[in-house]
Amino acid sequence: TTGVLMGDVISYRSKGAHTKYDGKIARGWCEAFVGFSDNIARRIVIEIGSGTGFAGSDYGLHVCVDGLDPHKTYAPHCRVLRRHEF
């Protein structure tokens, strides 16, 4: 554990969404800035995908807290979960 606790949401916004088309999975993205108990505000990146949950039959939720991903599971600065236009 990191020893910090999540506090109040400072701000949040939708980063976009797309419906299922051309074989793509329906997804939605949002970001929030949240205060933590160590007095640092961190960005939280959230991606919700249809059919990405258990056995592909439910919604999947992926969350990354920028600065609290020591193994870079979602790449530096949660880049993997942020919405990208291809």
N, C-alpha and C. Protein backbone atom coordinates (compact mmCIF):
# COMPACT_ATOMS: atom_id res chain seq x y z
N THR A 1 0.84 -1.19 0.00
CA THR A 1 0.00 0.00 0.00
C THR A 1 0.87 1.24 0.00
N THR A 2 0.29 2.35 -0.38
CA THR A 2 1.04 3.60 -0.46
C THR A 2 0.94 4.43 0.81
N GLY A 3 -0.02 4.14 1.66
CA GLY A 3 -0.17 4.90 2.89
C GLY A 3 -0.90 6.21 2.75
N VAL A 4 -1.49 6.49 1.59
CA VAL A 4 -2.27 7.72 1.42
C VAL A 4 -3.73 7.36 1.22
N LEU A 5 -4.59 8.27 1.62
CA LEU A 5 -6.03 8.08 1.48
C LEU A 5 -6.60 9.07 0.49
N MET A 6 -7.59 8.64 -0.27
CA MET A 6 -8.25 9.50 -1.23
C MET A 6 -9.20 10.43 -0.49
N GLY A 7 -9.20 11.69 -0.90
CA GLY A 7 -10.07 12.69 -0.28
C GLY A 7 -11.15 13.15 -1.24
N ASP A 8 -11.32 14.46 -1.31
CA ASP A 8 -12.39 15.06 -2.11
C ASP A 8 -12.03 15.14 -3.59
N VAL A 9 -13.06 15.00 -4.42
CA VAL A 9 -12.91 15.22 -5.85
C VAL A 9 -12.86 16.73 -6.08
N ILE A 10 -11.80 17.19 -6.73
CA ILE A 10 -11.62 18.62 -6.99
C ILE A 10 -12.34 19.01 -8.28
N SER A 11 -12.16 18.21 -9.31
CA SER A 11 -12.83 18.46 -10.58
C SER A 11 -12.90 17.15 -11.36
N TYR A 12 -13.83 17.09 -12.30
CA TYR A 12 -13.92 15.91 -13.16
C TYR A 12 -14.56 16.33 -14.47
N ARG A 13 -14.29 15.52 -15.51
CA ARG A 13 -14.91 15.79 -16.80
C ARG A 13 -14.87 14.54 -17.67
N SER A 14 -15.86 14.45 -18.51
CA SER A 14 -15.91 13.37 -19.49
C SER A 14 -14.87 13.66 -20.55
N LYS A 15 -14.17 12.63 -20.98
CA LYS A 15 -13.17 12.79 -22.04
C LYS A 15 -13.66 12.20 -23.35
N GLY A 16 -14.92 11.75 -23.38
CA GLY A 16 -15.48 11.26 -24.62
C GLY A 16 -15.98 9.83 -24.50
N ALA A 17 -16.63 9.41 -25.57
CA ALA A 17 -17.17 8.06 -25.63
C ALA A 17 -17.42 7.72 -27.08
N HIS A 18 -17.47 6.45 -27.37
CA HIS A 18 -17.92 6.04 -28.69
C HIS A 18 -18.72 4.75 -28.55
N THR A 19 -19.68 4.61 -29.42
CA THR A 19 -20.52 3.42 -29.42
C THR A 19 -19.83 2.33 -30.23
N LYS A 20 -20.35 1.14 -30.15
CA LYS A 20 -19.76 0.03 -30.88
C LYS A 20 -20.01 0.22 -32.37
N TYR A 21 -18.93 0.23 -33.14
CA TYR A 21 -19.04 0.33 -34.59
C TYR A 21 -17.77 -0.24 -35.22
N ASP A 22 -17.90 -0.76 -36.40
CA ASP A 22 -16.77 -1.33 -37.14
C ASP A 22 -15.91 -2.26 -36.29
N GLY A 23 -16.54 -3.04 -35.44
CA GLY A 23 -15.82 -4.00 -34.62
C GLY A 23 -15.16 -3.42 -33.38
N LYS A 24 -15.27 -2.11 -33.18
CA LYS A 24 -14.68 -1.50 -31.99
C LYS A 24 -15.59 -1.70 -30.79
N ILE A 25 -15.00 -1.74 -29.62
CA ILE A 25 -15.74 -1.91 -28.37
C ILE A 25 -16.26 -0.54 -27.92
N ALA A 26 -17.51 -0.49 -27.48
CA ALA A 26 -18.06 0.76 -26.94
C ALA A 26 -17.30 1.10 -25.66
N ARG A 27 -16.81 2.33 -25.59
CA ARG A 27 -16.01 2.76 -24.44
C ARG A 27 -16.37 4.19 -24.05
N GLY A 28 -16.08 4.50 -22.80
CA GLY A 28 -16.21 5.86 -22.30
C GLY A 28 -15.02 6.18 -21.41
N TRP A 29 -14.62 7.46 -21.39
CA TRP A 29 -13.46 7.88 -20.62
C TRP A 29 -13.80 9.10 -19.80
N CYS A 30 -13.21 9.19 -18.62
CA CYS A 30 -13.31 10.42 -17.84
C CYS A 30 -12.05 10.58 -17.00
N GLU A 31 -11.81 11.80 -16.57
CA GLU A 31 -10.68 12.11 -15.71
C GLU A 31 -11.17 12.95 -14.54
N ALA A 32 -10.49 12.81 -13.43
CA ALA A 32 -10.81 13.61 -12.25
C ALA A 32 -9.52 13.99 -11.56
N PHE A 33 -9.55 15.10 -10.86
CA PHE A 33 -8.46 15.46 -9.97
C PHE A 33 -8.99 15.31 -8.55
N VAL A 34 -8.23 14.58 -7.75
CA VAL A 34 -8.67 14.23 -6.40
C VAL A 34 -7.56 14.60 -5.42
N GLY A 35 -7.95 15.17 -4.29
CA GLY A 35 -7.00 15.46 -3.23
C GLY A 35 -6.73 14.21 -2.41
N PHE A 36 -5.49 14.03 -1.99
CA PHE A 36 -5.11 12.89 -1.18
C PHE A 36 -4.60 13.36 0.17
N SER A 37 -4.48 12.43 1.12
CA SER A 37 -4.13 12.78 2.49
C SER A 37 -2.71 13.34 2.63
N ASP A 38 -1.87 13.18 1.60
CA ASP A 38 -0.53 13.75 1.64
C ASP A 38 -0.48 15.15 1.01
N ASN A 39 -1.67 15.75 0.85
CA ASN A 39 -1.83 17.11 0.30
C ASN A 39 -1.37 17.25 -1.15
N ILE A 40 -1.45 16.17 -1.90
CA ILE A 40 -1.14 16.21 -3.33
C ILE A 40 -2.42 15.89 -4.10
N ALA A 41 -2.73 16.73 -5.08
CA ALA A 41 -3.86 16.46 -5.97
C ALA A 41 -3.34 15.61 -7.13
N ARG A 42 -4.00 14.50 -7.38
CA ARG A 42 -3.58 13.59 -8.44
C ARG A 42 -4.71 13.39 -9.44
N ARG A 43 -4.30 13.13 -10.68
CA ARG A 43 -5.26 12.83 -11.74
C ARG A 43 -5.61 11.35 -11.67
N ILE A 44 -6.92 11.08 -11.78
CA ILE A 44 -7.41 9.71 -11.88
C ILE A 44 -8.03 9.57 -13.26
N VAL A 45 -7.62 8.53 -13.98
CA VAL A 45 -8.12 8.27 -15.33
C VAL A 45 -8.97 7.01 -15.27
N ILE A 46 -10.17 7.09 -15.84
CA ILE A 46 -11.12 5.97 -15.80
C ILE A 46 -11.55 5.63 -17.22
N GLU A 47 -11.55 4.33 -17.53
CA GLU A 47 -12.08 3.85 -18.81
C GLU A 47 -13.12 2.78 -18.52
N ILE A 48 -14.29 2.90 -19.14
CA ILE A 48 -15.35 1.91 -19.01
C ILE A 48 -15.59 1.33 -20.39
N GLY A 49 -15.55 0.01 -20.50
CA GLY A 49 -15.74 -0.63 -21.80
C GLY A 49 -16.83 -1.68 -21.75
N SER A 50 -17.68 -1.68 -22.76
CA SER A 50 -18.74 -2.68 -22.86
C SER A 50 -18.15 -4.00 -23.35
N GLY A 51 -18.48 -5.07 -22.67
CA GLY A 51 -17.99 -6.38 -23.07
C GLY A 51 -16.55 -6.64 -22.68
N THR A 52 -16.00 -5.83 -21.78
CA THR A 52 -14.62 -6.02 -21.35
C THR A 52 -14.53 -6.55 -19.92
N GLY A 53 -15.67 -6.89 -19.34
CA GLY A 53 -15.70 -7.41 -17.98
C GLY A 53 -15.51 -8.91 -17.96
N PHE A 54 -15.94 -9.54 -16.89
CA PHE A 54 -15.77 -10.98 -16.71
C PHE A 54 -16.35 -11.75 -17.89
N ALA A 55 -15.54 -12.57 -18.50
CA ALA A 55 -15.93 -13.43 -19.63
C ALA A 55 -16.52 -12.64 -20.80
N GLY A 56 -16.20 -11.36 -20.87
CA GLY A 56 -16.66 -10.53 -21.98
C GLY A 56 -18.15 -10.26 -21.99
N SER A 57 -18.82 -10.47 -20.86
CA SER A 57 -20.27 -10.35 -20.85
C SER A 57 -20.79 -9.16 -20.04
N ASP A 58 -19.91 -8.32 -19.58
CA ASP A 58 -20.34 -7.21 -18.72
C ASP A 58 -19.43 -6.01 -19.00
N TYR A 59 -19.67 -4.93 -18.30
CA TYR A 59 -18.83 -3.75 -18.43
C TYR A 59 -17.55 -3.95 -17.63
N GLY A 60 -16.46 -3.46 -18.17
CA GLY A 60 -15.18 -3.49 -17.47
C GLY A 60 -14.80 -2.08 -17.06
N LEU A 61 -14.19 -1.95 -15.91
CA LEU A 61 -13.79 -0.66 -15.37
C LEU A 61 -12.29 -0.71 -15.09
N HIS A 62 -11.55 0.24 -15.66
CA HIS A 62 -10.11 0.35 -15.44
C HIS A 62 -9.84 1.72 -14.86
N VAL A 63 -9.08 1.75 -13.76
CA VAL A 63 -8.80 3.00 -13.07
C VAL A 63 -7.30 3.11 -12.82
N CYS A 64 -6.75 4.29 -13.04
CA CYS A 64 -5.34 4.54 -12.78
C CYS A 64 -5.20 5.87 -12.06
N VAL A 65 -4.41 5.89 -11.00
CA VAL A 65 -4.11 7.13 -10.28
C VAL A 65 -2.69 7.54 -10.68
N ASP A 66 -2.59 8.66 -11.36
CA ASP A 66 -1.30 9.15 -11.83
C ASP A 66 -0.38 9.39 -10.64
N GLY A 67 0.78 8.78 -10.65
CA GLY A 67 1.73 8.91 -9.55
C GLY A 67 1.65 7.79 -8.53
N LEU A 68 0.61 6.98 -8.60
CA LEU A 68 0.47 5.85 -7.67
C LEU A 68 0.37 4.53 -8.44
N ASP A 69 1.09 4.44 -9.52
CA ASP A 69 1.16 3.23 -10.35
C ASP A 69 2.64 2.84 -10.44
N PRO A 70 3.21 2.34 -9.35
CA PRO A 70 4.66 2.14 -9.28
C PRO A 70 5.21 1.16 -10.32
N HIS A 71 4.40 0.24 -10.77
CA HIS A 71 4.87 -0.75 -11.74
C HIS A 71 4.56 -0.33 -13.17
N LYS A 72 4.02 0.88 -13.33
CA LYS A 72 3.68 1.42 -14.66
C LYS A 72 2.77 0.48 -15.44
N THR A 73 1.80 -0.08 -14.75
CA THR A 73 0.84 -0.98 -15.38
C THR A 73 0.13 -0.30 -16.54
N TYR A 74 -0.19 0.94 -16.39
CA TYR A 74 -0.89 1.70 -17.44
C TYR A 74 0.04 2.72 -18.10
N ALA A 75 1.35 2.43 -18.11
CA ALA A 75 2.39 3.28 -18.69
C ALA A 75 2.55 4.55 -17.84
N PRO A 76 3.60 5.32 -18.10
CA PRO A 76 3.73 6.57 -17.32
C PRO A 76 2.52 7.48 -17.51
N HIS A 77 2.09 8.06 -16.43
CA HIS A 77 0.99 9.04 -16.41
C HIS A 77 -0.34 8.48 -16.93
N CYS A 78 -0.57 7.20 -16.74
CA CYS A 78 -1.84 6.55 -17.10
C CYS A 78 -2.15 6.65 -18.59
N ARG A 79 -1.13 6.76 -19.41
CA ARG A 79 -1.30 6.98 -20.85
C ARG A 79 -2.14 5.90 -21.53
N VAL A 80 -2.02 4.66 -21.09
CA VAL A 80 -2.75 3.56 -21.73
C VAL A 80 -4.26 3.75 -21.62
N LEU A 81 -4.74 4.33 -20.54
CA LEU A 81 -6.18 4.48 -20.35
C LEU A 81 -6.75 5.77 -20.91
N ARG A 82 -5.92 6.73 -21.20
CA ARG A 82 -6.44 8.00 -21.72
C ARG A 82 -6.95 7.78 -23.14
N ARG A 83 -7.96 8.54 -23.50
CA ARG A 83 -8.55 8.41 -24.83
C ARG A 83 -7.57 8.89 -25.90
N HIS A 84 -7.45 8.09 -26.93
CA HIS A 84 -6.59 8.43 -28.06
C HIS A 84 -7.40 8.35 -29.33
N GLU A 85 -7.18 9.24 -30.23
CA GLU A 85 -7.82 9.20 -31.54
C GLU A 85 -6.87 8.51 -32.50
N PHE A 86 -7.34 7.49 -33.17
CA PHE A 86 -6.50 6.76 -34.14
C PHE A 86 -7.02 7.00 -35.53
